Structures are given as C-alpha cells and as structure tokens.
Amino acid sequence: MKNLSKVLMGGMVATLIASTTVMADTEVKIWVADATVEFTKEKAEAFLAENYPDYSVMVEAVGEGDAAQNMLTDVEAGADIYIFAQDQMSRLVSAGALEEVAPDNVPVVTESNDAGSVSAAMVGDVMYAYPVTSDNGYFLYYDKSVVTDPTSLEAVLADCEAAGKSFYMEINSGWYQTAYFFGAGAQLTYDTDDQGNFTACNTGYASEQGLVALKEMIEVASSPAFVNGSSVGSATNIGAIVDGTWDATSAKEVLGENYACAKLPSFTGADGATYQLSGFGGFKLLGVKPQEDEAKLEVCDALAAYLSSGEVQAARYDAVAWGPSNLEAQKSEAVQADEALSALAEQLAYTIPQGQYPGDYWTLATGLGDSIIAGELTAETSDEDLMAALQEFENTCISYAE
C-alpha cells in the first residue's frame, strides 16, 4: 500500500504539472495601472470568450513605470501584454521585451491614431507597440476674464501684467524648458545601443535657434507677471499657467467660471520671426512580449489590438478619463467636451515624443533655468556670452553620451 500510494501521488503530481503547463500556455497575463485593472479585466475576458474561448486572462496592477522596469529585469517572468510609457521603448526593444506589431495591424494603427502616438510606437521604421493614450504633455490653462488672446505669448503676458495676475511656467525644468528650444528649432535627443547606453547626443542648442529660445526665456522671466512654477495647486493669483491634464480638476476649482484651456501660444523671437512653443509629448503604449508559442502570440496580438482600439479607448476615457490617441475616440462627445484634453491634443501636434535622457540632463537643465531666474543671464547679457552659455550646455549634454 505504501508503494502504491507513492505511485498514485506521483501520478497526481504529474497530472498537476501537466495541468499547470496547459494553463500557462492558455493564460494571458496583463499588467496595467491599478485604476484600470477591473476595466481591462472585463474587456479582455469578453474578447477572449467571444474569439478565443480556450484562453483565460490574469490582470495585475503594475503601473507603466514599474512594468517597463520589471520587463527589463526579467522578460521571461514578465507579462504577456503590458502598458508602458513611450520613453522606455528603446530599452524594451533592446531587451527583447517587445514583439513587432503584426504586419496586418500596422496600417490600421497608423491610420487610426494621431501622428504623435504613432511616432512614439516606432523604432526606426518598425512599429513595436499599440498606442493607447495621448494625454501626457502641457498646454495653457488661463482665466478667460484676464487673457483675451491665448494664441500669443506676448499678449498673455501683457494681459496678466495689466490685471496684476501671474503667468506661471517652470523654466528651470528640462521638461518644460524644451517648449522654447524645440519651438525655435533647436533639437536635443539621444541615441542608445542595445544595452540602453547612450551613444550619441543630437543637439543644436548652441545655434541661432538656441539663442532665440534662450532670449525668449529671459524675456518671459523679466515680466513682472512671471512666476516659475507648473502646479495649479501651488499657484496663487493665476492669470495663466502652463500645466497638464493631471491638474484639470484643480484648475477648474481655482478658475471657476473663468476656466479655459488652449494649446501653448506662439512668440515673436528676437530675430523678428514667429515661433510656436513646442516641447515633449507623452504617450502610453501597449506592448506584447515575444512568445515561443505562435498560437498564443496570435491571441496576445489580437487582444492587444482590441484593447487599444478606438472602441475601448473611448470606453476607457469614460471609465478612468485616460485621453485617447485614437482619432475617432478623440471625436467622441465626452472627449470633445473635455477642454483640457482638447487643448492638449492640439498642442501635441507641435511636440516630439519624449525619449530617453540621461539623469544628469535634468539637473543641467535646471541649472540653466536657475541662471535666468537668479539674474545671471539677462537681457543685457551679450549675445557672445549667451552663446557661450549655450555652448557649455551643449558640450555637457554631448559628454553624457561619450
């Protein structure tokens, strides 16, 4: 009996192992932010039940930042489908954590989503992810009883000055600061190798375009209305503020019936030309992990395409207010009524997706803005000295990739 028991137990163990193996092959693991777990589970289960009834889904709460880092740490143990921020794209591709989007889906994704999100989903000419949102970036909140023309930076400042109100923009931030430099035509991006190391810095800050941007930052900072900042919750006496959708609720509370939003204004540069403020855009993307099982890969790709579709993006906005990248979803009545998202959507047409930047870049950019705020760089500073400051900034940026 003792020996028979062992045999039976062994058989049970073998059966359990076989069962677990089957379950693993037919279970799709998805990582999404906590706020969207139940929404994603409901949509994924319904899709699989209708199209792939032999498969099940497990949805776990892993936010965009953690999802990317976890995948980079251990691809094999990671989720089959996961949402991540676009600035992690190159690292995830290099780590072998992203399958290319199915060729048949590429034209649909390209035609259905806004240009910024499509660009964010690409590495070179290859699409590696499905766009999910276009809702991370900055634009202008303003008091419409104060600001009469939100399309002109000079007019916004003049209105704020006349009303004794404040214009907020965080010029000592490497994120917000790019609005001036990119807007004037100066670039700053980095290339990375397969290990995620920075290999080249593509920059033109030490240029006539960079000089236009720096002079405009100095001019804005010299306005009596200017206050360095980007958080509605920390601001007072607001006439206008450059901020993002995450502060829309606070902006509505503070500005009340005078609440209004617009894309960032344009400005007249020191050279007399007109420039549109630009900057970084941020997007959430849905990635599929490479699979050894071709059948499971087909299921994962189909499910990812569905979860990033216009139908689901519109429903996700209704559920958790994530701003869609899908062009049809952006036209929905609910999204159109969202003034902040509408302003951001217009602004994102003038931005570039934020890629990877060395940690030291952000500190360096803060220093450049601080030198303006502290009055070390002013309207009286010679072009030669301003260009020298830009050259030092550029050289330091380049050194981070050497």
Protein backbone atom coordinates (compact mmCIF):
# COMPACT_ATOMS: atom_id res chain seq x y z
CA MET A 1 0.00 0.00 0.00
CA LYS A 2 2.82 2.35 0.85
CA ASN A 3 4.43 1.87 -2.56
CA LEU A 4 1.07 2.17 -4.34
CA SER A 5 0.45 5.44 -2.51
CA LYS A 6 3.71 6.79 -3.82
CA VAL A 7 2.81 5.80 -7.34
CA LEU A 8 -0.59 7.42 -7.06
CA MET A 9 0.90 10.55 -5.57
CA GLY A 10 3.45 10.59 -8.34
CA GLY A 11 0.66 10.28 -10.87
CA MET A 12 -1.22 13.12 -9.22
CA VAL A 13 1.86 15.28 -9.23
CA ALA A 14 2.44 14.51 -12.90
CA THR A 15 -1.17 15.35 -13.67
CA LEU A 16 -0.93 18.63 -11.77
CA ILE A 17 2.24 19.60 -13.57
CA ALA A 18 0.69 18.82 -16.93
CA SER A 19 -2.39 20.82 -15.99
CA THR A 20 -0.29 23.77 -14.89
CA THR A 21 1.63 23.66 -18.16
CA VAL A 22 -1.59 23.79 -20.16
CA MET A 23 -2.89 26.64 -18.02
CA ALA A 24 0.30 28.62 -18.55
CA ASP A 25 0.05 28.19 -22.30
CA THR A 26 -3.53 29.43 -22.40
CA GLU A 27 -3.42 32.17 -19.78
CA VAL A 28 -2.61 35.70 -20.90
CA LYS A 29 -1.03 37.85 -18.19
CA ILE A 30 -1.63 41.60 -18.48
CA TRP A 31 -0.08 44.45 -16.49
CA VAL A 32 -1.95 47.75 -16.26
CA ALA A 33 -2.22 50.62 -13.79
CA ASP A 34 -4.32 49.92 -10.71
CA ALA A 35 -7.10 52.28 -11.80
CA THR A 36 -7.69 50.26 -14.97
CA VAL A 37 -7.45 46.69 -13.66
CA GLU A 38 -11.19 45.99 -13.45
CA PHE A 39 -11.89 47.77 -16.73
CA THR A 40 -9.16 45.81 -18.54
CA LYS A 41 -10.25 42.50 -17.00
CA GLU A 42 -13.84 42.99 -18.11
CA LYS A 43 -12.89 43.93 -21.67
CA ALA A 44 -10.26 41.21 -22.05
CA GLU A 45 -12.48 38.44 -20.69
CA ALA A 46 -15.32 39.40 -23.01
CA PHE A 47 -12.99 39.48 -26.03
CA LEU A 48 -11.42 36.12 -25.26
CA ALA A 49 -14.77 34.47 -24.53
CA GLU A 50 -16.04 35.53 -27.94
CA ASN A 51 -12.92 34.96 -30.01
CA TYR A 52 -10.57 32.60 -28.15
CA PRO A 53 -12.66 30.67 -25.59
CA ASP A 54 -9.79 28.31 -24.73
CA TYR A 55 -7.79 31.20 -23.29
CA SER A 56 -8.12 33.00 -19.96
CA VAL A 57 -6.72 36.26 -18.67
CA MET A 58 -5.00 37.39 -15.48
CA VAL A 59 -4.80 41.16 -14.99
CA GLU A 60 -2.35 42.53 -12.42
CA ALA A 61 -1.88 46.07 -11.10
CA VAL A 62 1.56 47.14 -12.34
CA GLY A 63 1.91 50.80 -13.37
CA GLU A 64 3.64 51.99 -16.55
CA GLY A 65 6.98 52.79 -14.93
CA ASP A 66 7.18 49.58 -12.91
CA ALA A 67 6.00 47.47 -15.84
CA ALA A 68 8.90 48.60 -18.02
CA GLN A 69 11.46 48.12 -15.26
CA ASN A 70 10.11 44.68 -14.39
CA MET A 71 10.22 43.60 -18.02
CA LEU A 72 13.79 44.83 -18.34
CA THR A 73 14.74 42.90 -15.21
CA ASP A 74 13.19 39.59 -16.27
CA VAL A 75 11.48 39.36 -19.64
CA GLU A 76 10.55 35.70 -19.27
CA ALA A 77 8.71 36.29 -15.98
CA GLY A 78 7.02 39.44 -17.27
CA ALA A 79 3.52 39.99 -18.55
CA ASP A 80 2.39 38.85 -21.98
CA ILE A 81 0.77 42.26 -22.58
CA TYR A 82 1.65 45.43 -20.69
CA ILE A 83 1.23 49.20 -20.80
CA PHE A 84 4.35 51.35 -20.62
CA ALA A 85 5.43 54.96 -21.12
CA GLN A 86 6.89 55.78 -24.53
CA ASP A 87 10.27 56.88 -23.19
CA GLN A 88 11.03 53.23 -22.33
CA MET A 89 10.54 51.98 -25.89
CA SER A 90 14.18 51.69 -26.99
CA ARG A 91 15.23 49.89 -23.82
CA LEU A 92 12.38 47.40 -24.09
CA VAL A 93 13.15 46.65 -27.73
CA SER A 94 16.84 46.19 -26.91
CA ALA A 95 15.92 43.81 -24.08
CA GLY A 96 13.82 41.67 -26.40
CA ALA A 97 10.71 42.52 -24.41
CA LEU A 98 8.58 43.68 -27.35
CA GLU A 99 7.22 41.78 -30.32
CA GLU A 100 6.73 43.73 -33.53
CA VAL A 101 3.13 44.68 -34.19
CA ALA A 102 1.55 42.18 -36.58
CA PRO A 103 2.09 43.46 -40.15
CA ASP A 104 -1.62 43.43 -40.95
CA ASN A 105 -2.29 45.67 -37.95
CA VAL A 106 0.32 48.34 -38.76
CA PRO A 107 -1.74 50.24 -41.39
CA VAL A 108 -4.79 50.21 -39.12
CA VAL A 109 -2.82 51.53 -36.15
CA THR A 110 -1.17 54.21 -38.30
CA GLU A 111 -4.42 55.44 -39.81
CA SER A 112 -6.46 55.24 -36.61
CA ASN A 113 -4.22 57.11 -34.16
CA ASP A 114 -2.75 60.61 -34.02
CA ALA A 115 0.68 61.16 -35.51
CA GLY A 116 2.45 61.74 -32.20
CA SER A 117 1.34 58.44 -30.69
CA VAL A 118 2.18 56.53 -33.87
CA SER A 119 5.67 58.05 -33.88
CA ALA A 120 6.06 57.06 -30.23
CA ALA A 121 5.20 53.45 -31.11
CA MET A 122 8.02 53.21 -33.66
CA VAL A 123 11.71 52.46 -33.50
CA GLY A 124 13.08 53.43 -36.86
CA ASP A 125 10.64 52.07 -39.43
CA VAL A 126 9.34 49.28 -37.20
CA MET A 127 6.19 49.52 -35.05
CA TYR A 128 6.65 47.77 -31.71
CA ALA A 129 3.56 48.81 -29.75
CA TYR A 130 -0.06 49.87 -29.91
CA PRO A 131 -0.88 53.48 -28.92
CA VAL A 132 -3.32 53.74 -26.02
CA THR A 133 -3.27 57.39 -24.91
CA SER A 134 -2.23 60.87 -25.98
CA ASP A 135 -2.64 62.62 -22.65
CA ASN A 136 0.77 63.45 -21.23
CA GLY A 137 2.04 66.88 -22.10
CA TYR A 138 1.48 70.52 -21.22
CA PHE A 139 -0.64 73.36 -22.51
CA LEU A 140 -2.14 76.62 -21.25
CA TYR A 141 -4.78 76.97 -18.55
CA TYR A 142 -5.98 80.56 -18.32
CA ASP A 143 -8.50 82.89 -16.75
CA LYS A 144 -10.67 83.99 -19.67
CA SER A 145 -11.64 87.16 -17.82
CA VAL A 146 -7.96 88.14 -17.88
CA VAL A 147 -6.43 86.65 -21.04
CA THR A 148 -8.02 87.94 -24.23
CA ASP A 149 -5.69 86.24 -26.75
CA PRO A 150 -4.21 82.89 -25.65
CA THR A 151 -2.50 82.38 -29.02
CA SER A 152 0.22 84.99 -28.37
CA LEU A 153 2.71 84.71 -25.51
CA GLU A 154 3.31 88.46 -25.62
CA ALA A 155 -0.43 89.11 -25.34
CA VAL A 156 -0.83 86.62 -22.46
CA LEU A 157 1.95 88.32 -20.51
CA ALA A 158 0.58 91.80 -21.25
CA ASP A 159 -2.91 90.82 -20.08
CA CYS A 160 -1.56 89.25 -16.89
CA GLU A 161 0.57 92.31 -16.17
CA ALA A 162 -2.35 94.69 -16.75
CA ALA A 163 -4.62 92.70 -14.45
CA GLY A 164 -2.00 92.22 -11.75
CA LYS A 165 -2.17 88.45 -12.31
CA SER A 166 0.57 85.84 -12.56
CA PHE A 167 1.83 83.82 -15.52
CA TYR A 168 3.29 80.50 -14.37
CA MET A 169 5.79 78.41 -16.31
CA GLU A 170 8.59 76.24 -14.96
CA ILE A 171 11.58 77.37 -16.99
CA ASN A 172 14.10 75.58 -14.77
CA SER A 173 12.68 72.19 -15.75
CA GLY A 174 14.21 70.11 -18.54
CA TRP A 175 10.70 69.04 -19.49
CA TYR A 176 9.02 72.44 -19.79
CA GLN A 177 12.15 74.24 -20.96
CA THR A 178 12.14 72.35 -24.27
CA ALA A 179 8.98 74.27 -25.24
CA TYR A 180 11.25 77.21 -26.14
CA PHE A 181 14.17 75.34 -27.68
CA PHE A 182 12.19 72.86 -29.75
CA GLY A 183 9.79 75.64 -30.72
CA ALA A 184 12.67 77.74 -32.05
CA GLY A 185 14.03 74.77 -34.00
CA ALA A 186 16.86 73.58 -31.74
CA GLN A 187 16.95 69.83 -31.14
CA LEU A 188 18.13 67.66 -28.25
CA THR A 189 17.74 63.88 -28.45
CA TYR A 190 19.86 60.86 -27.53
CA ASP A 191 20.68 57.58 -29.27
CA THR A 192 21.17 54.37 -27.29
CA ASP A 193 22.75 51.00 -28.01
CA ASP A 194 21.28 47.53 -27.45
CA GLN A 195 22.17 47.72 -23.76
CA GLY A 196 20.47 51.07 -23.28
CA ASN A 197 23.73 53.00 -23.07
CA PHE A 198 23.76 56.50 -24.52
CA THR A 199 25.85 56.52 -27.68
CA ALA A 200 25.18 59.92 -29.26
CA CYS A 201 23.63 63.27 -28.45
CA ASN A 202 21.88 65.04 -31.29
CA THR A 203 21.74 68.67 -30.30
CA GLY A 204 21.78 72.14 -31.77
CA TYR A 205 21.33 74.34 -28.70
CA ALA A 206 24.49 76.32 -29.42
CA SER A 207 22.99 77.88 -32.54
CA GLU A 208 20.99 80.85 -33.75
CA GLN A 209 17.82 78.84 -32.95
CA GLY A 210 19.07 78.14 -29.44
CA LEU A 211 19.88 81.82 -28.97
CA VAL A 212 16.32 82.76 -29.96
CA ALA A 213 14.96 80.30 -27.38
CA LEU A 214 17.26 81.46 -24.58
CA LYS A 215 16.48 85.13 -25.22
CA GLU A 216 12.76 84.39 -25.12
CA MET A 217 13.09 82.59 -21.79
CA ILE A 218 14.96 85.62 -20.44
CA GLU A 219 12.29 87.97 -21.74
CA VAL A 220 9.47 85.95 -20.19
CA ALA A 221 11.29 85.73 -16.86
CA SER A 222 11.73 89.53 -16.85
CA SER A 223 7.97 90.10 -16.91
CA PRO A 224 6.52 91.25 -13.55
CA ALA A 225 3.77 88.69 -14.12
CA PHE A 226 6.18 85.74 -14.39
CA VAL A 227 6.33 83.12 -11.65
CA ASN A 228 8.41 79.95 -12.01
CA GLY A 229 6.08 77.01 -11.43
CA SER A 230 3.81 74.46 -13.07
CA SER A 231 1.32 73.27 -10.44
CA VAL A 232 -2.12 74.82 -10.16
CA GLY A 233 -2.40 73.53 -6.63
CA SER A 234 0.68 75.51 -5.57
CA ALA A 235 -0.16 78.66 -7.52
CA THR A 236 -1.96 81.82 -6.46
CA ASN A 237 -3.46 84.76 -8.34
CA ILE A 238 -3.40 82.81 -11.63
CA GLY A 239 -3.86 84.63 -14.91
CA ALA A 240 -2.39 81.75 -16.91
CA ILE A 241 -0.31 78.64 -16.18
CA VAL A 242 1.46 76.01 -18.27
CA ASP A 243 0.42 72.68 -16.77
CA GLY A 244 -1.03 69.28 -17.73
CA THR A 245 -4.26 67.28 -17.67
CA TRP A 246 -3.39 65.84 -14.26
CA ASP A 247 -4.25 69.25 -12.78
CA ALA A 248 -7.50 69.80 -14.70
CA THR A 249 -9.72 69.30 -11.65
CA SER A 250 -7.69 71.75 -9.58
CA ALA A 251 -7.66 74.27 -12.44
CA LYS A 252 -11.46 74.12 -12.70
CA GLU A 253 -11.79 74.69 -8.97
CA VAL A 254 -9.36 77.61 -8.93
CA LEU A 255 -10.56 79.39 -12.09
CA GLY A 256 -14.25 78.59 -11.69
CA GLU A 257 -16.47 80.09 -14.39
CA ASN A 258 -13.42 81.71 -15.99
CA TYR A 259 -11.72 78.33 -16.59
CA ALA A 260 -10.32 77.98 -20.12
CA CYS A 261 -7.65 75.98 -21.94
CA ALA A 262 -5.63 76.36 -25.14
CA LYS A 263 -2.55 74.99 -26.84
CA LEU A 264 0.64 76.83 -25.93
CA PRO A 265 0.93 80.27 -27.54
CA SER A 266 3.40 81.37 -30.18
CA PHE A 267 6.03 84.06 -29.59
CA THR A 268 7.93 86.60 -31.62
CA GLY A 269 11.62 85.84 -31.37
CA ALA A 270 14.46 88.33 -31.05
CA ASP A 271 15.02 87.80 -34.77
CA GLY A 272 11.50 89.00 -35.58
CA ALA A 273 10.22 85.58 -36.66
CA THR A 274 7.19 83.87 -35.09
CA TYR A 275 7.65 80.54 -33.30
CA GLN A 276 5.15 78.08 -31.83
CA LEU A 277 6.04 76.86 -28.33
CA SER A 278 6.67 73.12 -28.56
CA GLY A 279 8.10 70.64 -26.03
CA PHE A 280 7.70 67.00 -25.12
CA GLY A 281 4.64 64.84 -25.62
CA GLY A 282 3.93 61.72 -23.60
CA PHE A 283 2.02 58.61 -24.61
CA LYS A 284 1.02 55.30 -23.07
CA LEU A 285 1.67 52.29 -25.28
CA LEU A 286 0.55 48.67 -25.16
CA GLY A 287 3.25 46.10 -25.82
CA VAL A 288 3.23 42.36 -26.48
CA LYS A 289 6.02 40.13 -25.21
CA PRO A 290 7.57 37.73 -27.75
CA GLN A 291 6.15 34.21 -27.43
CA GLU A 292 7.56 30.80 -28.34
CA ASP A 293 4.02 29.55 -28.89
CA GLU A 294 2.82 31.04 -32.17
CA ALA A 295 -0.81 30.33 -31.30
CA LYS A 296 -0.53 32.28 -28.06
CA LEU A 297 1.28 35.11 -29.85
CA GLU A 298 -1.66 35.38 -32.23
CA VAL A 299 -4.05 35.63 -29.28
CA CYS A 300 -1.91 38.22 -27.49
CA ASP A 301 -1.58 40.36 -30.60
CA ALA A 302 -5.31 40.22 -31.31
CA LEU A 303 -6.12 41.09 -27.71
CA ALA A 304 -3.63 43.99 -27.68
CA ALA A 305 -5.14 45.33 -30.90
CA TYR A 306 -8.59 45.18 -29.32
CA LEU A 307 -7.58 46.78 -26.00
CA SER A 308 -6.01 49.68 -27.93
CA SER A 309 -8.91 50.06 -30.38
CA GLY A 310 -10.98 53.20 -30.68
CA GLU A 311 -13.96 51.50 -29.10
CA VAL A 312 -12.02 50.52 -25.98
CA GLN A 313 -10.10 53.81 -25.80
CA ALA A 314 -13.41 55.71 -25.75
CA ALA A 315 -14.77 53.41 -23.06
CA ARG A 316 -11.54 53.76 -21.07
CA TYR A 317 -11.90 57.53 -21.15
CA ASP A 318 -15.43 57.19 -19.76
CA ALA A 319 -14.16 54.83 -17.06
CA VAL A 320 -10.91 56.45 -15.91
CA ALA A 321 -10.52 59.62 -18.05
CA TRP A 322 -7.41 58.49 -19.96
CA GLY A 323 -7.11 60.68 -23.05
CA PRO A 324 -7.33 58.59 -26.23
CA SER A 325 -4.83 58.53 -29.07
CA ASN A 326 -7.41 57.07 -31.46
CA LEU A 327 -8.72 59.74 -33.81
CA GLU A 328 -12.35 58.57 -33.69
CA ALA A 329 -12.29 58.26 -29.91
CA GLN A 330 -10.94 61.80 -29.73
CA LYS A 331 -14.06 62.92 -31.61
CA SER A 332 -16.43 61.40 -29.06
CA GLU A 333 -18.79 63.84 -27.41
CA ALA A 334 -17.32 63.21 -23.97
CA VAL A 335 -13.71 63.76 -25.07
CA GLN A 336 -14.61 66.82 -27.13
CA ALA A 337 -16.29 68.30 -24.08
CA ASP A 338 -13.04 67.86 -22.11
CA GLU A 339 -11.38 71.24 -22.67
CA ALA A 340 -8.04 70.17 -21.21
CA LEU A 341 -7.73 67.12 -23.45
CA SER A 342 -8.80 69.11 -26.50
CA ALA A 343 -6.12 71.72 -25.80
CA LEU A 344 -3.50 69.03 -25.25
CA ALA A 345 -4.47 67.20 -28.44
CA GLU A 346 -3.89 70.41 -30.39
CA GLN A 347 -0.57 71.03 -28.63
CA LEU A 348 0.75 67.51 -29.19
CA ALA A 349 0.82 68.21 -32.92
CA TYR A 350 3.77 70.55 -32.20
CA THR A 351 5.73 68.30 -29.84
CA ILE A 352 8.07 65.33 -30.08
CA PRO A 353 7.66 62.11 -28.06
CA GLN A 354 9.96 62.17 -25.05
CA GLY A 355 12.72 59.62 -25.49
CA GLN A 356 15.43 58.56 -23.08
CA TYR A 357 17.60 61.24 -21.48
CA PRO A 358 20.50 60.88 -19.03
CA GLY A 359 19.60 61.69 -15.45
CA ASP A 360 22.23 64.42 -15.42
CA TYR A 361 20.43 66.24 -18.26
CA TRP A 362 17.54 67.16 -15.99
CA THR A 363 19.90 68.63 -13.40
CA LEU A 364 21.78 70.53 -16.10
CA ALA A 365 18.54 72.00 -17.48
CA THR A 366 17.51 73.09 -14.01
CA GLY A 367 20.80 74.95 -13.69
CA LEU A 368 20.25 76.78 -16.97
CA GLY A 369 16.80 77.93 -15.88
CA ASP A 370 18.07 78.90 -12.45
CA SER A 371 20.73 81.12 -14.00
CA ILE A 372 17.93 83.10 -15.67
CA ILE A 373 15.76 83.25 -12.57
CA ALA A 374 18.73 84.39 -10.47
CA GLY A 375 19.52 87.18 -12.94
CA GLU A 376 22.85 85.73 -14.06
CA LEU A 377 21.62 85.75 -17.66
CA THR A 378 19.61 88.85 -18.54
CA ALA A 379 18.52 90.96 -21.50
CA GLU A 380 21.75 92.95 -21.02
CA THR A 381 23.92 89.83 -21.38
CA SER A 382 25.78 89.94 -24.70
CA ASP A 383 24.99 87.50 -27.48
CA GLU A 384 28.57 86.26 -27.17
CA ASP A 385 28.10 85.38 -23.50
CA LEU A 386 24.69 83.84 -24.12
CA MET A 387 26.14 81.70 -26.89
CA ALA A 388 28.97 80.69 -24.58
CA ALA A 389 26.41 79.51 -22.01
CA LEU A 390 24.61 77.53 -24.71
CA GLN A 391 27.87 76.03 -25.95
CA GLU A 392 28.77 74.91 -22.43
CA PHE A 393 25.29 73.40 -22.04
CA GLU A 394 25.59 71.61 -25.38
CA ASN A 395 29.08 70.29 -24.68
CA THR A 396 27.94 68.91 -21.34
CA CYS A 397 24.93 67.22 -22.95
CA ILE A 398 27.24 65.60 -25.51
CA SER A 399 29.60 64.41 -22.77
CA TYR A 400 26.84 62.29 -21.27
CA ALA A 401 26.96 60.08 -24.35
CA GLU A 402 30.73 59.73 -24.60
